[in-house]
Amino acid sequence: MTLADNLLAFTLAATVLTITPGLDTALILRTSAVEGRAQGLRAALGINAGCFIWGAAVAFGLGALIAVSELAYDILKYCGAAYLAWLGLNMLLRPRQSLAPAEQDARPTRNWFLRGMLGNLLNPKIGIFYVSFLPQFIPQGAPLITWTFGLVAIHVVLGLLWAAALIGATRSLSGVLRKGSVVSWMDRTTGVLFILFAARLALSRR
């Protein structure tokens, strides 16, 4: 394939991957709807920062370790599952009953950038995906590091555009979504989703 064909094929594949509903979509929607667009954007930036870190790991060979080492994969997998379960249980058992805009503007209550990034980094399937997926679109003889970061950058741009669309979709419903009963329902629902994702990750195989 030509250079343009490689980039087009990767962009199409990465677009499908990005818009497929999953943990990242649930996290961005819930955070934006309940805590505001700024916090939703922080979560999205954290998720995509995690993609860049995984890209660096793949470019410098660390991702290959996760791909070939059963122990390394399992350690990262169970740490990720435990982290998601912890987030989910907190939302499920301690949902908030209200969200005052003044309090939100004064001081963010949670570091969603860090949570988004950790959720991405503690999912070994992202590393496996990059190790197995990215090389297919790197032309033979092309500089590995440059191309790896270039392809990850395309994935990140697509991720940010999708996040912006999700965050924008919550704007017209912001009044309803911030009612006490709705805030509590969304916390509990997202908590259940996170626990399900945690179980799926813990029980998953390569």
Foldseek 3Di string as FASTA:
>chain_A
DDLVVLLVVLLVVLLVVQPDDDLLLLLLLLCCQALHNVLSLLLLLLLLVLLLVLLVCLLVVNLVCCVPPPVNVLVLLLVLLVLLLVQLCCLQVPFFQADDPVVSVVDPPDRSSNVSNSNNNSQSVSSVCLNPPQVVSADPPDNSSVSSSVSSVSSSVSSSVVSVVSSVVSVVVSVVCRHRVNRSVSSNVSSVSSNVVSVCSNPDDD
